[in-house]
Protein backbone atom coordinates (compact mmCIF):
# COMPACT_ATOMS: atom_id res chain seq x y z
CA MET A 1 -176.77 15.78 -31.11
CA THR A 2 -173.03 15.21 -30.98
CA LEU A 3 -171.55 11.83 -30.20
CA LYS A 4 -168.17 11.57 -28.56
CA ALA A 5 -165.64 8.94 -29.58
CA VAL A 6 -166.83 5.92 -27.63
CA ALA A 7 -167.21 2.21 -28.23
CA PRO A 8 -169.64 1.51 -31.10
CA ILE A 9 -172.33 -0.07 -28.94
CA ASP A 10 -172.15 2.85 -26.49
CA ALA A 11 -172.51 5.36 -29.30
CA VAL A 12 -175.49 3.52 -30.74
CA THR A 13 -177.08 3.14 -27.32
CA SER A 14 -176.76 6.88 -26.73
CA PHE A 15 -178.24 7.60 -30.13
CA LEU A 16 -181.14 5.20 -29.56
CA ASP A 17 -181.85 6.80 -26.20
CA TYR A 18 -181.99 10.15 -27.99
CA GLY A 19 -184.37 8.59 -30.51
CA ARG A 20 -186.71 7.49 -27.76
CA ASP A 21 -186.90 11.12 -26.63
CA ILE A 22 -187.88 12.36 -30.10
CA LYS A 23 -190.25 9.57 -31.11
CA GLN A 24 -193.30 11.78 -30.71
CA LEU A 25 -192.02 14.41 -33.12
CA SER A 26 -192.91 14.67 -36.79
CA PRO A 27 -192.39 11.82 -39.28
CA LEU A 28 -189.79 13.94 -41.07
CA THR A 29 -187.76 14.28 -37.86
CA LEU A 30 -187.96 10.53 -37.36
CA LYS A 31 -186.87 9.96 -40.95
CA HIS A 32 -183.81 12.15 -40.34
CA TYR A 33 -183.15 10.25 -37.09
CA GLN A 34 -183.21 6.92 -38.95
CA ARG A 35 -180.90 8.31 -41.66
CA ASP A 36 -178.47 9.53 -39.02
CA LEU A 37 -178.59 6.20 -37.18
CA ASP A 38 -177.83 4.38 -40.43
CA ALA A 39 -174.90 6.72 -41.03
CA LEU A 40 -173.65 6.14 -37.50
CA LEU A 41 -173.72 2.38 -37.97
CA ALA A 42 -171.98 2.66 -41.34
CA SER A 43 -169.22 4.83 -39.86
CA PHE A 44 -167.85 2.13 -37.58
CA PRO A 45 -164.52 0.68 -38.72
CA THR A 46 -165.66 -2.77 -37.63
CA ASP A 47 -168.61 -4.70 -38.94
CA PRO A 48 -171.70 -3.29 -37.16
CA ALA A 49 -173.39 -6.66 -37.61
CA LEU A 50 -171.17 -7.98 -34.82
CA CYS A 51 -173.32 -6.16 -32.28
CA LEU A 52 -176.47 -5.81 -34.37
CA SER A 53 -178.54 -8.11 -32.16
CA ASP A 54 -177.70 -5.98 -29.11
CA ILE A 55 -178.55 -2.83 -31.05
CA LYS A 56 -181.88 -4.21 -32.25
CA GLU A 57 -182.80 -5.43 -28.77
CA HIS A 58 -182.04 -2.04 -27.24
CA HIS A 59 -183.85 -0.25 -30.06
CA ILE A 60 -186.99 -2.31 -29.55
CA ARG A 61 -186.93 -1.74 -25.79
CA ALA A 62 -186.24 2.00 -26.16
CA TRP A 63 -189.07 2.60 -28.63
CA ALA A 64 -191.52 0.40 -26.75
CA ASN A 65 -191.23 2.51 -23.60
């Protein structure tokens, strides 16, 4: 999956939506997904904690569905 240059929360939201689509794949795939999500969050020039509550909320909703 390739992410375009967008606002951090939009990029994470897109990535989390992708994660919801792959959640039924193998544990190894999910491990790679989590690693890539961590790398995405770490790549932001601003502190990702500023929108972390929004990210967590979306993540919980995406994976619960």
